[in-house]
Amino acid sequence: MSKELLKTAFDKMKNMSCCSLQLIKIKSEKAGISYYTRECELTPPGKIGSFAHELADKYSKAIEDGKYASVDEYTGDIVGNVIYKLEGENALISEAYGQLCKELANPDTEGRINDTKFNAYMLLGEVELGAETVPIKLISMQSPMMNMKNKFWFKIERNTFREIDEPILNLKKSIDVVILKDTIYMLTLAGENLFAMERAYKAVCNNKVNEIIECGFLTDEAVFQKIATSGQNPRRFVAYNQSRLEAMKNVSKRKKLAKMFNLKLSGSNIDTNDEKTATRLVKFLCNKAMLDPLNDLPVEVAAAKSWQ
């Protein structure tokens, strides 16, 4: 349903009468993420609107032509033809999203554009969906400014060529994120950078790993912590399933699940000195391990979701 909703929004956007452009600077530090936004005008008048209409048409056709297989809840998985969505109140992004909305509502309109290195641009407007008029934002995570130093680009001026030595605005015809009301749709995983999500899912990972360790059924807690918090594993914890940990706390269920998913045991504990077992445990707890219905053998899945 969300895919059809997005297409409807894009189709409505093709007739949108009013649109604005903001350039975004994203600054991610240990203390957190912050934003600076600069509202801009293009001349001649109407160019922002026509550019927005062109983008909306491009992505409406992409959905119609089947470029995107589905719209799924964000689980940290990487599947190329899936649009991932999450709500602005999601704990992974709520703080960053709130800050971004605050900046977008009060953008700078007078600061020198040349003095800022921007990371992204955003088109803002409103579309009618049913009886409701909702805000829509299209974000491209590609830098919109080009420094022309040593580029050797020239423009015709008075029947001769003059070198372009000042920065130029270069709006790429691709978007990574759509925000429809307060729902965020990531068309590409570059959208994660808008909210510094790597920092967020690493924090989730650390919290959950500590919780797992406290259960006391691991042979080597330090080894497990090292494996679970490195490589692709922190991303997997976005889809962490608490009910699976609860099952692991029961000795008889633990032994049954260990046999089912090839988890090496030492007595009744999970042998986390075995690297494969430690990694498999992470996959099991994060909904990446299922059973093949034909032979009951364990298989790894990229993105488990409810059967439809």
C-alpha atoms as a PDB file:
ATOM      1  CA  MET A   1       0.000   0.000   0.000  1.00  0.00           C
ATOM      2  CA  SER A   2       2.825   2.419   0.809  1.00  0.00           C
ATOM      3  CA  LYS A   3       4.226   2.042  -2.696  1.00  0.00           C
ATOM      4  CA  GLU A   4       0.907   3.142  -4.173  1.00  0.00           C
ATOM      5  CA  LEU A   5       0.776   5.994  -1.655  1.00  0.00           C
ATOM      6  CA  LEU A   6       4.207   7.196  -2.743  1.00  0.00           C
ATOM      7  CA  LYS A   7       3.234   7.049  -6.411  1.00  0.00           C
ATOM      8  CA  THR A   8       0.091   9.054  -5.677  1.00  0.00           C
ATOM      9  CA  ALA A   9       2.177  11.655  -3.847  1.00  0.00           C
ATOM     10  CA  PHE A  10       4.589  11.916  -6.774  1.00  0.00           C
ATOM     11  CA  ASP A  11       1.683  12.247  -9.224  1.00  0.00           C
ATOM     12  CA  LYS A  12       0.128  15.000  -7.114  1.00  0.00           C
ATOM     13  CA  MET A  13       3.505  16.715  -6.885  1.00  0.00           C
ATOM     14  CA  LYS A  14       3.642  17.038 -10.680  1.00  0.00           C
ATOM     15  CA  ASN A  15       0.849  19.609 -10.368  1.00  0.00           C
ATOM     16  CA  MET A  16       2.185  21.307  -7.249  1.00  0.00           C
ATOM     17  CA  SER A  17       2.036  25.093  -7.592  1.00  0.00           C
ATOM     18  CA  CYS A  18       4.420  26.115  -4.813  1.00  0.00           C
ATOM     19  CA  CYS A  19       7.815  24.646  -3.989  1.00  0.00           C
ATOM     20  CA  SER A  20      10.946  25.802  -2.177  1.00  0.00           C
ATOM     21  CA  LEU A  21      14.594  24.754  -2.180  1.00  0.00           C
ATOM     22  CA  GLN A  22      16.851  24.436   0.852  1.00  0.00           C
ATOM     23  CA  LEU A  23      20.509  23.466   0.939  1.00  0.00           C
ATOM     24  CA  ILE A  24      21.504  21.377   3.967  1.00  0.00           C
ATOM     25  CA  LYS A  25      24.738  21.105   5.880  1.00  0.00           C
ATOM     26  CA  ILE A  26      24.910  18.002   8.052  1.00  0.00           C
ATOM     27  CA  LYS A  27      27.440  17.939  10.855  1.00  0.00           C
ATOM     28  CA  SER A  28      27.870  14.692  12.770  1.00  0.00           C
ATOM     29  CA  GLU A  29      30.117  14.707  15.824  1.00  0.00           C
ATOM     30  CA  LYS A  30      30.513  12.689  19.016  1.00  0.00           C
ATOM     31  CA  ALA A  31      28.090  15.025  20.755  1.00  0.00           C
ATOM     32  CA  GLY A  32      25.417  14.327  18.132  1.00  0.00           C
ATOM     33  CA  ILE A  33      24.145  15.554  14.801  1.00  0.00           C
ATOM     34  CA  SER A  34      23.279  19.132  13.842  1.00  0.00           C
ATOM     35  CA  TYR A  35      21.955  20.857  10.741  1.00  0.00           C
ATOM     36  CA  TYR A  36      22.200  24.196   8.998  1.00  0.00           C
ATOM     37  CA  THR A  37      19.744  25.015   6.214  1.00  0.00           C
ATOM     38  CA  ARG A  38      19.849  27.799   3.639  1.00  0.00           C
ATOM     39  CA  GLU A  39      16.749  28.615   1.625  1.00  0.00           C
ATOM     40  CA  CYS A  40      17.581  29.585  -1.964  1.00  0.00           C
ATOM     41  CA  GLU A  41      15.884  31.113  -4.972  1.00  0.00           C
ATOM     42  CA  LEU A  42      16.483  30.229  -8.600  1.00  0.00           C
ATOM     43  CA  THR A  43      16.031  32.511 -11.566  1.00  0.00           C
ATOM     44  CA  PRO A  44      14.067  32.760 -13.706  1.00  0.00           C
ATOM     45  CA  PRO A  45      11.076  32.299 -11.334  1.00  0.00           C
ATOM     46  CA  GLY A  46       9.392  28.908 -11.526  1.00  0.00           C
ATOM     47  CA  LYS A  47      12.581  26.910 -12.081  1.00  0.00           C
ATOM     48  CA  ILE A  48      12.360  25.205  -8.682  1.00  0.00           C
ATOM     49  CA  GLY A  49       8.799  24.109  -9.439  1.00  0.00           C
ATOM     50  CA  SER A  50       9.624  22.731 -12.879  1.00  0.00           C
ATOM     51  CA  PHE A  51      12.616  20.839 -11.448  1.00  0.00           C
ATOM     52  CA  ALA A  52      10.393  19.333  -8.728  1.00  0.00           C
ATOM     53  CA  HIS A  53       7.798  18.311 -11.323  1.00  0.00           C
ATOM     54  CA  GLU A  54      10.505  16.581 -13.370  1.00  0.00           C
ATOM     55  CA  LEU A  55      11.780  14.648 -10.357  1.00  0.00           C
ATOM     56  CA  ALA A  56       8.255  13.650  -9.333  1.00  0.00           C
ATOM     57  CA  ASP A  57       7.533  12.363 -12.836  1.00  0.00           C
ATOM     58  CA  LYS A  58      10.789  10.369 -12.878  1.00  0.00           C
ATOM     59  CA  TYR A  59      10.056   8.572  -9.604  1.00  0.00           C
ATOM     60  CA  SER A  60       6.372   8.040 -10.324  1.00  0.00           C
ATOM     61  CA  LYS A  61       7.401   6.197 -13.487  1.00  0.00           C
ATOM     62  CA  ALA A  62      10.080   4.249 -11.580  1.00  0.00           C
ATOM     63  CA  ILE A  63       7.432   2.903  -9.195  1.00  0.00           C
ATOM     64  CA  GLU A  64       5.037   2.191 -12.055  1.00  0.00           C
ATOM     65  CA  ASP A  65       7.756   0.322 -13.977  1.00  0.00           C
ATOM     66  CA  GLY A  66       8.553  -1.907 -11.019  1.00  0.00           C
ATOM     67  CA  LYS A  67      11.985  -0.521 -10.105  1.00  0.00           C
ATOM     68  CA  TYR A  68      11.056  -0.907  -6.436  1.00  0.00           C
ATOM     69  CA  ALA A  69       9.805  -4.300  -5.267  1.00  0.00           C
ATOM     70  CA  SER A  70       8.187  -3.130  -2.056  1.00  0.00           C
ATOM     71  CA  VAL A  71       8.108  -0.640   0.796  1.00  0.00           C
ATOM     72  CA  ASP A  72       9.264  -2.354   4.001  1.00  0.00           C
ATOM     73  CA  GLU A  73       9.899  -1.298   7.568  1.00  0.00           C
ATOM     74  CA  TYR A  74      13.533  -0.340   8.113  1.00  0.00           C
ATOM     75  CA  THR A  75      15.441  -3.258   9.644  1.00  0.00           C
ATOM     76  CA  GLY A  76      19.017  -2.390   8.723  1.00  0.00           C
ATOM     77  CA  ASP A  77      19.000  -4.905   5.860  1.00  0.00           C
ATOM     78  CA  ILE A  78      20.516  -4.084   2.490  1.00  0.00           C
ATOM     79  CA  VAL A  79      18.232  -5.090  -0.377  1.00  0.00           C
ATOM     80  CA  GLY A  80      18.749  -2.996  -3.475  1.00  0.00           C
ATOM     81  CA  ASN A  81      15.223  -2.720  -4.869  1.00  0.00           C
ATOM     82  CA  VAL A  82      13.387  -2.094  -1.590  1.00  0.00           C
ATOM     83  CA  ILE A  83      12.258   1.264  -0.201  1.00  0.00           C
ATOM     84  CA  TYR A  84      12.682   1.325   3.570  1.00  0.00           C
ATOM     85  CA  LYS A  85      10.397   3.397   5.752  1.00  0.00           C
ATOM     86  CA  LEU A  86      10.302   4.480   9.367  1.00  0.00           C
ATOM     87  CA  GLU A  87       8.355   7.020  11.351  1.00  0.00           C
ATOM     88  CA  GLY A  88       9.880  10.248  12.611  1.00  0.00           C
ATOM     89  CA  GLU A  89       9.190   9.106  16.185  1.00  0.00           C
ATOM     90  CA  ASN A  90      11.322   5.972  15.716  1.00  0.00           C
ATOM     91  CA  ALA A  91      13.990   5.891  18.440  1.00  0.00           C
ATOM     92  CA  LEU A  92      16.717   5.448  15.812  1.00  0.00           C
ATOM     93  CA  ILE A  93      16.067   8.895  14.326  1.00  0.00           C
ATOM     94  CA  SER A  94      13.623  10.789  16.549  1.00  0.00           C
ATOM     95  CA  GLU A  95      16.176  13.206  18.001  1.00  0.00           C
ATOM     96  CA  ALA A  96      17.864  13.928  14.671  1.00  0.00           C
ATOM     97  CA  TYR A  97      14.531  14.189  12.857  1.00  0.00           C
ATOM     98  CA  GLY A  98      13.267  16.704  15.396  1.00  0.00           C
ATOM     99  CA  GLN A  99      16.374  18.840  14.925  1.00  0.00           C
ATOM    100  CA  LEU A 100      16.085  18.678  11.146  1.00  0.00           C
ATOM    101  CA  CYS A 101      12.411  19.727  11.193  1.00  0.00           C
ATOM    102  CA  LYS A 102      13.268  22.639  13.494  1.00  0.00           C
ATOM    103  CA  GLU A 103      15.963  23.885  11.095  1.00  0.00           C
ATOM    104  CA  LEU A 104      13.774  23.439   8.032  1.00  0.00           C
ATOM    105  CA  ALA A 105      11.046  25.535   9.642  1.00  0.00           C
ATOM    106  CA  ASN A 106      13.471  28.429  10.193  1.00  0.00           C
ATOM    107  CA  PRO A 107      16.066  28.352   7.408  1.00  0.00           C
ATOM    108  CA  ASP A 108      18.706  31.018   6.923  1.00  0.00           C
ATOM    109  CA  THR A 109      17.792  33.331   4.038  1.00  0.00           C
ATOM    110  CA  GLU A 110      20.651  35.838   4.111  1.00  0.00           C
ATOM    111  CA  GLY A 111      23.923  34.043   4.951  1.00  0.00           C
ATOM    112  CA  ARG A 112      26.661  33.859   2.296  1.00  0.00           C
ATOM    113  CA  ILE A 113      26.142  30.636   0.373  1.00  0.00           C
ATOM    114  CA  ASN A 114      29.782  30.487  -0.732  1.00  0.00           C
ATOM    115  CA  ASP A 115      30.960  30.205   2.875  1.00  0.00           C
ATOM    116  CA  THR A 116      29.249  26.861   3.568  1.00  0.00           C
ATOM    117  CA  LYS A 117      29.936  23.329   2.394  1.00  0.00           C
ATOM    118  CA  PHE A 118      26.540  21.696   1.902  1.00  0.00           C
ATOM    119  CA  ASN A 119      25.959  17.921   2.015  1.00  0.00           C
ATOM    120  CA  ALA A 120      22.459  17.724   0.535  1.00  0.00           C
ATOM    121  CA  TYR A 121      19.533  19.624  -0.904  1.00  0.00           C
ATOM    122  CA  MET A 122      15.817  19.403  -0.213  1.00  0.00           C
ATOM    123  CA  LEU A 123      12.709  20.356  -2.159  1.00  0.00           C
ATOM    124  CA  LEU A 124       9.729  21.218   0.042  1.00  0.00           C
ATOM    125  CA  GLY A 125       6.075  21.440  -0.905  1.00  0.00           C
ATOM    126  CA  GLU A 126       2.578  20.190  -0.127  1.00  0.00           C
ATOM    127  CA  VAL A 127       0.375  17.619  -1.836  1.00  0.00           C
ATOM    128  CA  GLU A 128      -3.275  16.650  -1.474  1.00  0.00           C
ATOM    129  CA  LEU A 129      -3.819  13.061  -0.392  1.00  0.00           C
ATOM    130  CA  GLY A 130      -7.506  12.341  -0.085  1.00  0.00           C
ATOM    131  CA  ALA A 131      -9.075  15.064   1.990  1.00  0.00           C
ATOM    132  CA  GLU A 132      -5.773  16.007   3.612  1.00  0.00           C
ATOM    133  CA  THR A 133      -3.012  18.371   2.504  1.00  0.00           C
ATOM    134  CA  VAL A 134       0.329  17.033   3.733  1.00  0.00           C
ATOM    135  CA  PRO A 135       3.909  18.309   3.514  1.00  0.00           C
ATOM    136  CA  ILE A 136       6.314  16.475   1.213  1.00  0.00           C
ATOM    137  CA  LYS A 137      10.084  16.744   1.106  1.00  0.00           C
ATOM    138  CA  LEU A 138      12.470  15.282  -1.463  1.00  0.00           C
ATOM    139  CA  ILE A 139      16.094  15.004  -0.346  1.00  0.00           C
ATOM    140  CA  SER A 140      19.188  14.299  -2.404  1.00  0.00           C
ATOM    141  CA  MET A 141      22.226  13.316  -0.359  1.00  0.00           C
ATOM    142  CA  GLN A 142      24.646  14.450  -3.064  1.00  0.00           C
ATOM    143  CA  SER A 143      26.479  17.710  -2.508  1.00  0.00           C
ATOM    144  CA  PRO A 144      24.636  20.421  -4.488  1.00  0.00           C
ATOM    145  CA  MET A 145      27.599  22.810  -4.746  1.00  0.00           C
ATOM    146  CA  MET A 146      30.526  22.441  -7.143  1.00  0.00           C
ATOM    147  CA  ASN A 147      33.797  24.219  -6.508  1.00  0.00           C
ATOM    148  CA  MET A 148      35.001  25.330  -9.933  1.00  0.00           C
ATOM    149  CA  LYS A 149      38.635  25.854  -8.960  1.00  0.00           C
ATOM    150  CA  ASN A 150      40.866  24.081 -11.507  1.00  0.00           C
ATOM    151  CA  LYS A 151      37.798  22.749 -13.377  1.00  0.00           C
ATOM    152  CA  PHE A 152      38.491  24.723 -16.575  1.00  0.00           C
ATOM    153  CA  TRP A 153      34.809  25.358 -17.225  1.00  0.00           C
ATOM    154  CA  PHE A 154      33.845  28.413 -19.267  1.00  0.00           C
ATOM    155  CA  LYS A 155      30.653  30.188 -20.270  1.00  0.00           C
ATOM    156  CA  ILE A 156      29.893  32.396 -23.257  1.00  0.00           C
ATOM    157  CA  GLU A 157      29.912  36.052 -22.355  1.00  0.00           C
ATOM    158  CA  ARG A 158      29.866  38.873 -24.957  1.00  0.00           C
ATOM    159  CA  ASN A 159      30.806  36.484 -27.755  1.00  0.00           C
ATOM    160  CA  THR A 160      33.808  35.075 -25.936  1.00  0.00           C
ATOM    161  CA  PHE A 161      34.429  32.507 -23.211  1.00  0.00           C
ATOM    162  CA  ARG A 162      34.870  33.507 -19.596  1.00  0.00           C
ATOM    163  CA  GLU A 163      36.201  31.082 -17.018  1.00  0.00           C
ATOM    164  CA  ILE A 164      33.719  30.060 -14.335  1.00  0.00           C
ATOM    165  CA  ASP A 165      35.686  30.537 -11.142  1.00  0.00           C
ATOM    166  CA  GLU A 166      32.884  30.839  -8.575  1.00  0.00           C
ATOM    167  CA  PRO A 167      31.018  27.848  -7.067  1.00  0.00           C
ATOM    168  CA  ILE A 168      27.939  26.706  -8.981  1.00  0.00           C
ATOM    169  CA  LEU A 169      24.727  24.984  -7.912  1.00  0.00           C
ATOM    170  CA  ASN A 170      24.449  21.519  -9.418  1.00  0.00           C
ATOM    171  CA  LEU A 171      21.166  19.789  -8.529  1.00  0.00           C
ATOM    172  CA  LYS A 172      21.465  16.100  -9.354  1.00  0.00           C
ATOM    173  CA  LYS A 173      18.281  14.547 -10.724  1.00  0.00           C
ATOM    174  CA  SER A 174      18.170  11.845  -8.087  1.00  0.00           C
ATOM    175  CA  ILE A 175      16.702  11.658  -4.611  1.00  0.00           C
ATOM    176  CA  ASP A 176      17.532   9.392  -1.694  1.00  0.00           C
ATOM    177  CA  VAL A 177      14.815  10.234   0.830  1.00  0.00           C
ATOM    178  CA  VAL A 178      11.151  11.214   0.696  1.00  0.00           C
ATOM    179  CA  ILE A 179       9.485  12.570   3.816  1.00  0.00           C
ATOM    180  CA  LEU A 180       5.717  12.432   3.521  1.00  0.00           C
ATOM    181  CA  LYS A 181       4.160  14.112   6.540  1.00  0.00           C
ATOM    182  CA  ASP A 182       6.237  12.424   9.287  1.00  0.00           C
ATOM    183  CA  THR A 183       7.010   9.154   7.517  1.00  0.00           C
ATOM    184  CA  ILE A 184      10.508   8.774   6.102  1.00  0.00           C
ATOM    185  CA  TYR A 185      11.014   6.687   2.962  1.00  0.00           C
ATOM    186  CA  MET A 186      14.600   5.795   2.069  1.00  0.00           C
ATOM    187  CA  LEU A 187      14.890   5.130  -1.650  1.00  0.00           C
ATOM    188  CA  THR A 188      18.590   4.427  -1.141  1.00  0.00           C
ATOM    189  CA  LEU A 189      20.618   3.681   1.970  1.00  0.00           C
ATOM    190  CA  ALA A 190      22.423   6.988   1.502  1.00  0.00           C
ATOM    191  CA  GLY A 191      19.418   8.249   3.433  1.00  0.00           C
ATOM    192  CA  GLU A 192      20.948   6.761   6.582  1.00  0.00           C
ATOM    193  CA  ASN A 193      23.524   9.557   6.521  1.00  0.00           C
ATOM    194  CA  LEU A 194      20.791  12.191   6.827  1.00  0.00           C
ATOM    195  CA  PHE A 195      20.140  11.045  10.399  1.00  0.00           C
ATOM    196  CA  ALA A 196      23.576   9.578  11.282  1.00  0.00           C
ATOM    197  CA  MET A 197      21.898   6.197  11.690  1.00  0.00           C
ATOM    198  CA  GLU A 198      25.152   4.267  11.993  1.00  0.00           C
ATOM    199  CA  ARG A 199      25.682   5.951  15.356  1.00  0.00           C
ATOM    200  CA  ALA A 200      22.122   5.025  16.379  1.00  0.00           C
ATOM    201  CA  TYR A 201      22.219   1.336  15.517  1.00  0.00           C
ATOM    202  CA  LYS A 202      25.664   0.961  17.109  1.00  0.00           C
ATOM    203  CA  ALA A 203      24.169   2.338  20.328  1.00  0.00           C
ATOM    204  CA  VAL A 204      21.283  -0.168  20.057  1.00  0.00           C
ATOM    205  CA  CYS A 205      23.818  -2.938  19.440  1.00  0.00           C
ATOM    206  CA  ASN A 206      25.883  -2.066  22.516  1.00  0.00           C
ATOM    207  CA  ASN A 207      22.805  -1.958  24.747  1.00  0.00           C
ATOM    208  CA  LYS A 208      21.459  -5.276  23.515  1.00  0.00           C
ATOM    209  CA  VAL A 209      24.849  -7.007  23.674  1.00  0.00           C
ATOM    210  CA  ASN A 210      25.156  -5.989  27.319  1.00  0.00           C
ATOM    211  CA  GLU A 211      21.662  -7.360  27.959  1.00  0.00           C
ATOM    212  CA  ILE A 212      22.569 -10.669  26.306  1.00  0.00           C
ATOM    213  CA  ILE A 213      25.773 -10.941  28.344  1.00  0.00           C
ATOM    214  CA  GLU A 214      23.884 -10.324  31.590  1.00  0.00           C
ATOM    215  CA  CYS A 215      21.767 -13.445  30.910  1.00  0.00           C
ATOM    216  CA  GLY A 216      24.820 -15.556  31.760  1.00  0.00           C
ATOM    217  CA  PHE A 217      24.549 -18.317  29.137  1.00  0.00           C
ATOM    218  CA  LEU A 218      27.715 -17.455  27.127  1.00  0.00           C
ATOM    219  CA  THR A 219      31.038 -19.246  27.625  1.00  0.00           C
ATOM    220  CA  ASP A 220      33.146 -16.175  26.778  1.00  0.00           C
ATOM    221  CA  GLU A 221      31.426 -12.826  27.144  1.00  0.00           C
ATOM    222  CA  ALA A 222      34.398 -10.734  25.952  1.00  0.00           C
ATOM    223  CA  VAL A 223      34.752 -12.689  22.715  1.00  0.00           C
ATOM    224  CA  PHE A 224      31.034 -12.437  22.025  1.00  0.00           C
ATOM    225  CA  GLN A 225      31.045  -8.693  22.676  1.00  0.00           C
ATOM    226  CA  LYS A 226      33.923  -8.197  20.248  1.00  0.00           C
ATOM    227  CA  ILE A 227      32.231 -10.219  17.491  1.00  0.00           C
ATOM    228  CA  ALA A 228      28.718  -8.826  18.038  1.00  0.00           C
ATOM    229  CA  THR A 229      29.852  -5.191  17.909  1.00  0.00           C
ATOM    230  CA  SER A 230      32.023  -5.439  14.786  1.00  0.00           C
ATOM    231  CA  GLY A 231      31.555  -5.752  11.033  1.00  0.00           C
ATOM    232  CA  GLN A 232      27.951  -6.015   9.828  1.00  0.00           C
ATOM    233  CA  ASN A 233      26.622  -7.166  13.196  1.00  0.00           C
ATOM    234  CA  PRO A 234      25.729  -3.740  14.684  1.00  0.00           C
ATOM    235  CA  ARG A 235      23.428  -3.102  11.689  1.00  0.00           C
ATOM    236  CA  ARG A 236      21.701  -6.438  12.299  1.00  0.00           C
ATOM    237  CA  PHE A 237      20.596  -5.302  15.767  1.00  0.00           C
ATOM    238  CA  VAL A 238      18.065  -2.909  14.198  1.00  0.00           C
ATOM    239  CA  ALA A 239      15.872  -6.016  13.782  1.00  0.00           C
ATOM    240  CA  TYR A 240      16.653  -7.435  17.240  1.00  0.00           C
ATOM    241  CA  ASN A 241      13.906  -9.751  18.510  1.00  0.00           C
ATOM    242  CA  GLN A 242      13.528  -9.676  22.305  1.00  0.00           C
ATOM    243  CA  SER A 243      11.310 -12.772  22.338  1.00  0.00           C
ATOM    244  CA  ARG A 244      14.179 -14.841  20.964  1.00  0.00           C
ATOM    245  CA  LEU A 245      16.424 -13.811  23.834  1.00  0.00           C
ATOM    246  CA  GLU A 246      13.672 -14.703  26.289  1.00  0.00           C
ATOM    247  CA  ALA A 247      13.497 -18.168  24.727  1.00  0.00           C
ATOM    248  CA  MET A 248      17.273 -18.543  25.074  1.00  0.00           C
ATOM    249  CA  LYS A 249      17.049 -17.939  28.827  1.00  0.00           C
ATOM    250  CA  ASN A 250      15.253 -21.277  29.238  1.00  0.00           C
ATOM    251  CA  VAL A 251      17.821 -24.110  29.300  1.00  0.00           C
ATOM    252  CA  SER A 252      15.664 -26.707  27.523  1.00  0.00           C
ATOM    253  CA  LYS A 253      14.618 -24.245  24.813  1.00  0.00           C
ATOM    254  CA  ARG A 254      18.244 -23.113  24.470  1.00  0.00           C
ATOM    255  CA  LYS A 255      19.417 -26.663  23.831  1.00  0.00           C
ATOM    256  CA  LYS A 256      16.632 -27.227  21.318  1.00  0.00           C
ATOM    257  CA  LEU A 257      17.369 -23.976  19.460  1.00  0.00           C
ATOM    258  CA  ALA A 258      21.102 -24.634  19.543  1.00  0.00           C
ATOM    259  CA  LYS A 259      20.575 -27.972  17.823  1.00  0.00           C
ATOM    260  CA  MET A 260      18.145 -26.405  15.358  1.00  0.00           C
ATOM    261  CA  PHE A 261      20.486 -23.560  14.318  1.00  0.00           C
ATOM    262  CA  ASN A 262      23.879 -25.252  14.675  1.00  0.00           C
ATOM    263  CA  LEU A 263      24.982 -23.336  17.757  1.00  0.00           C
ATOM    264  CA  LYS A 264      27.861 -25.077  19.508  1.00  0.00           C
ATOM    265  CA  LEU A 265      27.264 -25.757  23.200  1.00  0.00           C
ATOM    266  CA  SER A 266      29.591 -26.175  26.137  1.00  0.00           C
ATOM    267  CA  GLY A 267      27.449 -27.899  28.699  1.00  0.00           C
ATOM    268  CA  SER A 268      24.226 -25.872  28.590  1.00  0.00           C
ATOM    269  CA  ASN A 269      25.930 -22.616  27.548  1.00  0.00           C
ATOM    270  CA  ILE A 270      26.454 -21.184  24.072  1.00  0.00           C
ATOM    271  CA  ASP A 271      30.113 -21.667  23.114  1.00  0.00           C
ATOM    272  CA  THR A 272      30.999 -18.130  21.999  1.00  0.00           C
ATOM    273  CA  ASN A 273      34.676 -19.063  21.724  1.00  0.00           C
ATOM    274  CA  ASP A 274      33.542 -20.556  18.426  1.00  0.00           C
ATOM    275  CA  GLU A 275      33.328 -17.550  16.053  1.00  0.00           C
ATOM    276  CA  LYS A 276      30.702 -19.142  13.804  1.00  0.00           C
ATOM    277  CA  THR A 277      28.484 -19.860  16.790  1.00  0.00           C
ATOM    278  CA  ALA A 278      28.808 -16.302  18.107  1.00  0.00           C
ATOM    279  CA  THR A 279      27.880 -14.879  14.704  1.00  0.00           C
ATOM    280  CA  ARG A 280      25.005 -17.324  14.285  1.00  0.00           C
ATOM    281  CA  LEU A 281      23.681 -16.335  17.698  1.00  0.00           C
ATOM    282  CA  VAL A 282      23.601 -12.687  16.599  1.00  0.00           C
ATOM    283  CA  LYS A 283      21.762 -13.648  13.405  1.00  0.00           C
ATOM    284  CA  PHE A 284      19.277 -15.750  15.353  1.00  0.00           C
ATOM    285  CA  LEU A 285      18.530 -12.972  17.855  1.00  0.00           C
ATOM    286  CA  CYS A 286      18.197 -10.413  15.048  1.00  0.00           C
ATOM    287  CA  ASN A 287      15.656 -12.312  12.905  1.00  0.00           C
ATOM    288  CA  LYS A 288      18.209 -13.352  10.287  1.00  0.00           C
ATOM    289  CA  ALA A 289      17.867 -17.082  10.962  1.00  0.00           C
ATOM    290  CA  MET A 290      14.872 -19.149   9.850  1.00  0.00           C
ATOM    291  CA  LEU A 291      14.109 -22.764   8.972  1.00  0.00           C
ATOM    292  CA  ASP A 292      13.559 -24.012   5.436  1.00  0.00           C
ATOM    293  CA  PRO A 293       9.974 -25.382   5.479  1.00  0.00           C
ATOM    294  CA  LEU A 294      10.878 -28.302   3.185  1.00  0.00           C
ATOM    295  CA  ASN A 295      13.787 -29.800   5.087  1.00  0.00           C
ATOM    296  CA  ASP A 296      13.817 -27.953   8.444  1.00  0.00           C
ATOM    297  CA  LEU A 297      17.409 -26.838   7.858  1.00  0.00           C
ATOM    298  CA  PRO A 298      18.538 -23.398   9.079  1.00  0.00           C
ATOM    299  CA  VAL A 299      18.852 -20.651   6.469  1.00  0.00           C
ATOM    300  CA  GLU A 300      19.957 -17.039   6.678  1.00  0.00           C
ATOM    301  CA  VAL A 301      17.445 -14.451   5.492  1.00  0.00           C
ATOM    302  CA  ALA A 302      18.146 -10.853   4.551  1.00  0.00           C
ATOM    303  CA  ALA A 303      14.899  -9.261   5.669  1.00  0.00           C
ATOM    304  CA  ALA A 304      12.322 -11.281   7.556  1.00  0.00           C
ATOM    305  CA  LYS A 305       8.875  -9.686   7.602  1.00  0.00           C
ATOM    306  CA  SER A 306       5.294 -10.699   8.273  1.00  0.00           C
ATOM    307  CA  TRP A 307       3.760 -13.066   5.729  1.00  0.00           C
ATOM    308  CA  GLN A 308       1.412 -11.268   3.336  1.00  0.00           C
END
